[in-house]
């Protein structure tokens, strides 16, 4: 019985830990001469991030407008890079980046 209870508790903690979380993409780079804006965010590996794509586009467009462009659009998909690994393998945290083209 103790073994089953431990399994139930461990499973519950895992499911609670892997919950969806709203993440905000922030401008972290770009190039006025290339007309690109890079947005990114960091998150723990146990989280399932939810990104408001419309808000991300608005953030990119506001940066583009500062440089004299009128619009922005996503330039390909996003990239995900492991920031830190456990000693035993696997990723502790990720950085997600997305590039937007100003036009």
Foldseek 3Di string as FASTA:
>chain_A
DVVVVVVVVVVVVLVVQAEEDEDEWAFDDDDLVQQKTKTKDKDFPSYDYDYPVVVVQVNSQVVSVVSPFRGKDWDDDKDKDAPDADPVGDGGMIMIMTMIGTD
